[in-house]
C-alpha atoms as a PDB file:
ATOM      1  CA  MET A   1      64.508 -28.787-198.547  1.00  0.00           C
ATOM      2  CA  ILE A   2      61.198 -28.123-196.823  1.00  0.00           C
ATOM      3  CA  ARG A   3      60.523 -32.032-197.344  1.00  0.00           C
ATOM      4  CA  ILE A   4      64.182 -32.935-196.016  1.00  0.00           C
ATOM      5  CA  ILE A   5      63.376 -30.565-192.820  1.00  0.00           C
ATOM      6  CA  ASP A   6      59.767 -32.051-192.312  1.00  0.00           C
ATOM      7  CA  LEU A   7      61.260 -35.913-192.404  1.00  0.00           C
ATOM      8  CA  LEU A   8      64.169 -34.539-189.675  1.00  0.00           C
ATOM      9  CA  VAL A   9      61.761 -32.705-187.366  1.00  0.00           C
ATOM     10  CA  ALA A  10      59.031 -35.657-187.586  1.00  0.00           C
ATOM     11  CA  ILE A  11      61.086 -37.991-186.882  1.00  0.00           C
ATOM     12  CA  LEU A  12      63.292 -36.268-184.200  1.00  0.00           C
ATOM     13  CA  ILE A  13      59.971 -35.297-182.415  1.00  0.00           C
ATOM     14  CA  LEU A  14      58.830 -38.921-182.447  1.00  0.00           C
ATOM     15  CA  VAL A  15      61.856 -40.299-181.077  1.00  0.00           C
ATOM     16  CA  CYS A  16      62.006 -37.597-178.545  1.00  0.00           C
ATOM     17  CA  LEU A  17      58.314 -38.066-177.505  1.00  0.00           C
ATOM     18  CA  SER A  18      58.394 -41.955-177.607  1.00  0.00           C
ATOM     19  CA  PRO A  19      57.880 -42.190-173.905  1.00  0.00           C
ATOM     20  CA  LEU A  20      55.568 -39.808-173.611  1.00  0.00           C
ATOM     21  CA  ILE A  21      53.701 -41.537-176.906  1.00  0.00           C
ATOM     22  CA  ILE A  22      53.661 -45.264-174.757  1.00  0.00           C
ATOM     23  CA  LEU A  23      52.422 -43.463-171.750  1.00  0.00           C
ATOM     24  CA  ILE A  24      49.554 -42.199-174.042  1.00  0.00           C
ATOM     25  CA  SER A  25      48.841 -45.486-175.639  1.00  0.00           C
ATOM     26  CA  ILE A  26      48.637 -47.451-172.485  1.00  0.00           C
ATOM     27  CA  LEU A  27      46.372 -44.629-170.978  1.00  0.00           C
ATOM     28  CA  ILE A  28      43.444 -44.987-174.056  1.00  0.00           C
ATOM     29  CA  LEU A  29      44.043 -48.695-173.727  1.00  0.00           C
ATOM     30  CA  LEU A  30      43.177 -49.027-169.845  1.00  0.00           C
ATOM     31  CA  ASN A  31      40.655 -46.203-170.261  1.00  0.00           C
ATOM     32  CA  ASP A  32      38.823 -47.360-173.301  1.00  0.00           C
ATOM     33  CA  GLY A  33      40.176 -50.271-174.851  1.00  0.00           C
ATOM     34  CA  LEU A  34      41.329 -50.395-178.626  1.00  0.00           C
ATOM     35  CA  PRO A  35      41.483 -48.891-181.094  1.00  0.00           C
ATOM     36  CA  ILE A  36      44.272 -46.442-179.889  1.00  0.00           C
ATOM     37  CA  ILE A  37      44.691 -44.277-182.961  1.00  0.00           C
ATOM     38  CA  TYR A  38      41.730 -42.363-184.752  1.00  0.00           C
ATOM     39  CA  LYS A  39      42.061 -42.696-188.546  1.00  0.00           C
ATOM     40  CA  GLN A  40      39.764 -40.414-190.531  1.00  0.00           C
ATOM     41  CA  SER A  41      39.554 -39.514-194.097  1.00  0.00           C
ATOM     42  CA  ARG A  42      41.367 -35.937-195.389  1.00  0.00           C
ATOM     43  CA  VAL A  43      41.722 -34.216-198.254  1.00  0.00           C
ATOM     44  CA  GLY A  44      45.566 -33.161-198.749  1.00  0.00           C
ATOM     45  CA  PHE A  45      48.098 -32.140-201.428  1.00  0.00           C
ATOM     46  CA  ASN A  46      46.517 -32.274-205.357  1.00  0.00           C
ATOM     47  CA  GLY A  47      42.898 -33.176-203.717  1.00  0.00           C
ATOM     48  CA  ARG A  48      44.716 -36.832-202.904  1.00  0.00           C
ATOM     49  CA  LYS A  49      42.407 -38.284-200.006  1.00  0.00           C
ATOM     50  CA  PHE A  50      44.584 -39.700-197.120  1.00  0.00           C
ATOM     51  CA  LYS A  51      44.048 -41.206-193.248  1.00  0.00           C
ATOM     52  CA  ILE A  52      44.798 -38.908-190.538  1.00  0.00           C
ATOM     53  CA  PHE A  53      46.236 -40.135-187.801  1.00  0.00           C
ATOM     54  CA  LYS A  54      45.491 -38.813-183.926  1.00  0.00           C
ATOM     55  CA  PHE A  55      44.993 -40.575-180.510  1.00  0.00           C
ATOM     56  CA  ARG A  56      41.602 -41.331-180.082  1.00  0.00           C
ATOM     57  CA  THR A  57      39.763 -38.806-177.705  1.00  0.00           C
ATOM     58  CA  MET A  58      36.133 -40.152-177.672  1.00  0.00           C
ATOM     59  CA  SER A  59      34.669 -43.394-176.262  1.00  0.00           C
ATOM     60  CA  ARG A  60      33.658 -46.231-178.142  1.00  0.00           C
ATOM     61  CA  VAL A  61      30.095 -45.858-176.729  1.00  0.00           C
ATOM     62  CA  VAL A  62      27.693 -43.642-179.062  1.00  0.00           C
ATOM     63  CA  TYR A  63      26.063 -41.056-177.736  1.00  0.00           C
ATOM     64  CA  LYS A  64      23.004 -39.166-179.300  1.00  0.00           C
ATOM     65  CA  ASN A  65      25.430 -36.111-177.893  1.00  0.00           C
ATOM     66  CA  GLU A  66      28.851 -36.047-179.278  1.00  0.00           C
ATOM     67  CA  GLU A  67      30.259 -33.933-176.180  1.00  0.00           C
ATOM     68  CA  LEU A  68      29.158 -36.995-174.067  1.00  0.00           C
ATOM     69  CA  ARG A  69      31.275 -39.364-175.978  1.00  0.00           C
ATOM     70  CA  LEU A  70      34.717 -36.963-175.329  1.00  0.00           C
ATOM     71  CA  SER A  71      36.290 -38.900-172.386  1.00  0.00           C
ATOM     72  CA  LEU A  72      38.111 -37.153-169.497  1.00  0.00           C
ATOM     73  CA  PHE A  73      41.602 -38.115-170.583  1.00  0.00           C
ATOM     74  CA  GLY A  74      40.631 -37.089-174.500  1.00  0.00           C
ATOM     75  CA  LYS A  75      39.605 -33.664-173.105  1.00  0.00           C
ATOM     76  CA  PHE A  76      43.236 -33.357-171.952  1.00  0.00           C
ATOM     77  CA  LEU A  77      44.711 -34.779-174.888  1.00  0.00           C
ATOM     78  CA  ARG A  78      42.504 -32.258-177.040  1.00  0.00           C
ATOM     79  CA  LYS A  79      43.739 -29.027-174.999  1.00  0.00           C
ATOM     80  CA  THR A  80      47.179 -30.012-174.504  1.00  0.00           C
ATOM     81  CA  SER A  81      47.109 -31.033-178.382  1.00  0.00           C
ATOM     82  CA  LEU A  82      49.038 -34.018-177.573  1.00  0.00           C
ATOM     83  CA  ASP A  83      46.088 -35.775-179.747  1.00  0.00           C
ATOM     84  CA  GLU A  84      47.909 -34.603-182.790  1.00  0.00           C
ATOM     85  CA  ILE A  85      51.287 -36.107-182.221  1.00  0.00           C
ATOM     86  CA  PRO A  86      50.561 -39.153-184.658  1.00  0.00           C
ATOM     87  CA  GLN A  87      50.367 -37.093-187.366  1.00  0.00           C
ATOM     88  CA  PHE A  88      53.996 -36.801-187.674  1.00  0.00           C
ATOM     89  CA  ILE A  89      53.491 -40.599-188.981  1.00  0.00           C
ATOM     90  CA  ASN A  90      51.246 -38.667-191.810  1.00  0.00           C
ATOM     91  CA  VAL A  91      54.536 -36.182-192.357  1.00  0.00           C
ATOM     92  CA  ILE A  92      56.853 -39.241-192.555  1.00  0.00           C
ATOM     93  CA  LYS A  93      54.472 -41.044-195.070  1.00  0.00           C
ATOM     94  CA  LYS A  94      54.457 -37.847-197.102  1.00  0.00           C
ATOM     95  CA  ASP A  95      50.457 -37.167-196.743  1.00  0.00           C
ATOM     96  CA  MET A  96      51.252 -33.863-194.845  1.00  0.00           C
ATOM     97  CA  SER A  97      53.935 -31.261-193.951  1.00  0.00           C
ATOM     98  CA  ILE A  98      54.671 -29.993-190.337  1.00  0.00           C
ATOM     99  CA  VAL A  99      53.639 -26.295-191.544  1.00  0.00           C
ATOM    100  CA  GLY A 100      50.443 -25.909-194.309  1.00  0.00           C
ATOM    101  CA  PRO A 101      46.922 -25.618-194.248  1.00  0.00           C
ATOM    102  CA  ARG A 102      45.079 -27.908-191.658  1.00  0.00           C
ATOM    103  CA  PRO A 103      43.395 -30.807-193.779  1.00  0.00           C
ATOM    104  CA  LEU A 104      39.941 -30.744-193.740  1.00  0.00           C
ATOM    105  CA  PRO A 105      37.485 -33.711-193.475  1.00  0.00           C
ATOM    106  CA  ILE A 106      35.964 -34.143-196.741  1.00  0.00           C
ATOM    107  CA  ASN A 107      32.323 -32.675-195.596  1.00  0.00           C
ATOM    108  CA  ILE A 108      34.076 -29.620-194.410  1.00  0.00           C
ATOM    109  CA  GLU A 109      35.971 -29.449-197.585  1.00  0.00           C
ATOM    110  CA  ASN A 110      33.270 -29.609-199.905  1.00  0.00           C
ATOM    111  CA  LYS A 111      31.550 -26.536-197.956  1.00  0.00           C
ATOM    112  CA  ILE A 112      34.469 -24.235-199.519  1.00  0.00           C
ATOM    113  CA  ASN A 113      34.352 -22.810-202.857  1.00  0.00           C
ATOM    114  CA  ARG A 114      36.034 -24.210-205.534  1.00  0.00           C
ATOM    115  CA  PHE A 115      38.847 -21.747-205.908  1.00  0.00           C
ATOM    116  CA  ALA A 116      40.007 -21.895-202.299  1.00  0.00           C
ATOM    117  CA  ARG A 117      39.712 -25.594-202.413  1.00  0.00           C
ATOM    118  CA  ILE A 118      42.158 -25.855-205.568  1.00  0.00           C
ATOM    119  CA  LYS A 119      44.445 -23.242-203.939  1.00  0.00           C
ATOM    120  CA  ARG A 120      44.581 -24.854-200.663  1.00  0.00           C
ATOM    121  CA  ARG A 121      45.476 -27.902-202.111  1.00  0.00           C
ATOM    122  CA  LYS A 122      48.481 -26.541-203.988  1.00  0.00           C
ATOM    123  CA  ILE A 123      50.883 -27.136-200.936  1.00  0.00           C
ATOM    124  CA  TYR A 124      51.036 -30.319-198.535  1.00  0.00           C
ATOM    125  CA  PRO A 125      48.427 -29.489-195.491  1.00  0.00           C
ATOM    126  CA  GLY A 126      50.093 -29.626-192.007  1.00  0.00           C
ATOM    127  CA  ILE A 127      50.251 -29.544-188.749  1.00  0.00           C
ATOM    128  CA  THR A 128      50.233 -26.436-187.937  1.00  0.00           C
ATOM    129  CA  GLY A 129      49.842 -23.362-190.082  1.00  0.00           C
ATOM    130  CA  LEU A 130      48.819 -19.716-190.049  1.00  0.00           C
ATOM    131  CA  SER A 131      45.366 -20.135-188.457  1.00  0.00           C
ATOM    132  CA  GLN A 132      46.612 -22.346-185.654  1.00  0.00           C
ATOM    133  CA  ILE A 133      49.196 -19.608-184.742  1.00  0.00           C
ATOM    134  CA  ASN A 134      46.486 -16.790-185.195  1.00  0.00           C
ATOM    135  CA  PHE A 135      43.872 -18.599-183.285  1.00  0.00           C
ATOM    136  CA  THR A 136      42.425 -15.780-181.099  1.00  0.00           C
ATOM    137  CA  GLY A 137      40.378 -17.921-178.774  1.00  0.00           C
ATOM    138  CA  ARG A 138      37.173 -17.123-179.947  1.00  0.00           C
ATOM    139  CA  ASN A 139      34.923 -19.209-181.920  1.00  0.00           C
ATOM    140  CA  ARG A 140      35.681 -18.448-185.715  1.00  0.00           C
ATOM    141  CA  LYS A 141      33.668 -19.088-188.873  1.00  0.00           C
ATOM    142  CA  LEU A 142      35.352 -21.540-191.529  1.00  0.00           C
ATOM    143  CA  SER A 143      35.493 -18.567-193.801  1.00  0.00           C
ATOM    144  CA  GLU A 144      38.269 -16.942-191.352  1.00  0.00           C
ATOM    145  CA  LYS A 145      40.363 -20.155-191.040  1.00  0.00           C
ATOM    146  CA  ILE A 146      39.765 -20.635-195.013  1.00  0.00           C
ATOM    147  CA  ASN A 147      41.475 -16.876-195.603  1.00  0.00           C
ATOM    148  CA  LEU A 148      44.405 -17.534-193.310  1.00  0.00           C
ATOM    149  CA  ASP A 149      44.697 -20.661-195.364  1.00  0.00           C
ATOM    150  CA  LEU A 150      44.923 -18.962-198.502  1.00  0.00           C
ATOM    151  CA  ILE A 151      47.352 -16.260-197.150  1.00  0.00           C
ATOM    152  CA  LEU A 152      50.062 -18.812-196.224  1.00  0.00           C
ATOM    153  CA  VAL A 153      49.647 -20.559-199.745  1.00  0.00           C
ATOM    154  CA  ASP A 154      50.177 -17.136-201.330  1.00  0.00           C
ATOM    155  CA  ASN A 155      53.527 -16.436-199.191  1.00  0.00           C
ATOM    156  CA  PHE A 156      54.632 -20.296-198.347  1.00  0.00           C
ATOM    157  CA  ASN A 157      58.549 -20.176-198.305  1.00  0.00           C
ATOM    158  CA  LEU A 158      61.202 -21.383-195.783  1.00  0.00           C
ATOM    159  CA  TYR A 159      61.398 -18.230-193.877  1.00  0.00           C
ATOM    160  CA  ASN A 160      57.507 -18.595-193.438  1.00  0.00           C
ATOM    161  CA  TYR A 161      57.664 -22.343-193.064  1.00  0.00           C
ATOM    162  CA  PHE A 162      60.262 -21.843-190.071  1.00  0.00           C
ATOM    163  CA  ARG A 163      58.375 -18.872-188.518  1.00  0.00           C
ATOM    164  CA  ILE A 164      55.400 -20.814-188.169  1.00  0.00           C
ATOM    165  CA  LEU A 165      57.413 -23.701-186.867  1.00  0.00           C
ATOM    166  CA  LEU A 166      59.090 -21.891-184.164  1.00  0.00           C
ATOM    167  CA  ARG A 167      56.033 -19.889-182.739  1.00  0.00           C
ATOM    168  CA  THR A 168      53.362 -23.132-182.687  1.00  0.00           C
ATOM    169  CA  PRO A 169      55.074 -24.278-179.246  1.00  0.00           C
ATOM    170  CA  PHE A 170      54.362 -20.910-177.888  1.00  0.00           C
ATOM    171  CA  VAL A 171      50.867 -20.417-178.912  1.00  0.00           C
ATOM    172  CA  LEU A 172      50.264 -24.044-177.504  1.00  0.00           C
ATOM    173  CA  ILE A 173      51.109 -23.351-174.541  1.00  0.00           C
ATOM    174  CA  ILE A 174      49.444 -19.937-174.112  1.00  0.00           C
ATOM    175  CA  ARG A 175      45.964 -21.885-175.763  1.00  0.00           C
ATOM    176  CA  PHE A 176      46.714 -24.548-172.712  1.00  0.00           C
ATOM    177  CA  LEU A 177      47.218 -21.930-170.194  1.00  0.00           C
ATOM    178  CA  LYS A 178      44.016 -20.123-171.054  1.00  0.00           C
ATOM    179  CA  ASN A 179      42.122 -22.813-171.472  1.00  0.00           C
ATOM    180  CA  LYS A 180      41.094 -22.618-175.052  1.00  0.00           C
ATOM    181  CA  SER A 181      40.545 -24.837-177.895  1.00  0.00           C
ATOM    182  CA  SER A 182      40.809 -24.593-181.495  1.00  0.00           C
ATOM    183  CA  ILE A 183      37.348 -25.625-182.333  1.00  0.00           C
ATOM    184  CA  ILE A 184      35.619 -24.067-185.568  1.00  0.00           C
ATOM    185  CA  LYS A 185      31.950 -23.072-185.330  1.00  0.00           C
END
């Protein structure tokens, strides 16, 4: 049932946001050229590796300080979470669900204990999840995020799926208005 909902919502969002997707793509192209989409290896369901898609927010020019690579438009995309829109393609490809623990980059995945890694992989990783809707805006430790992910896995059902799905837009709006990002320190 959740897979069908994932597909329907992902297709609906991609169709409805297609003018915005085209506009963002053109602005990235004009601002810094190709590629428009950034791909990064992540760990997903049952430990399967996949490439997560995001709009590229960093310049192709390499700087010693990574913060300098983040473009002005990239900052806006991250602040509004619009850089995450291409992940709905990952949902259609069955790499991800809309709701689940965020898929971690391999280097961060390796920092968590084996029990937590195995447990997080029992459900598909998501674009949003319990950790995202409970973000308070303060810097948080990886362990806090993982604990919320494990609570989500233990309580994953249709009710909680919809509760998180429906709460996410409000959290994004509040985060945008308060100028807070979801960076883990």
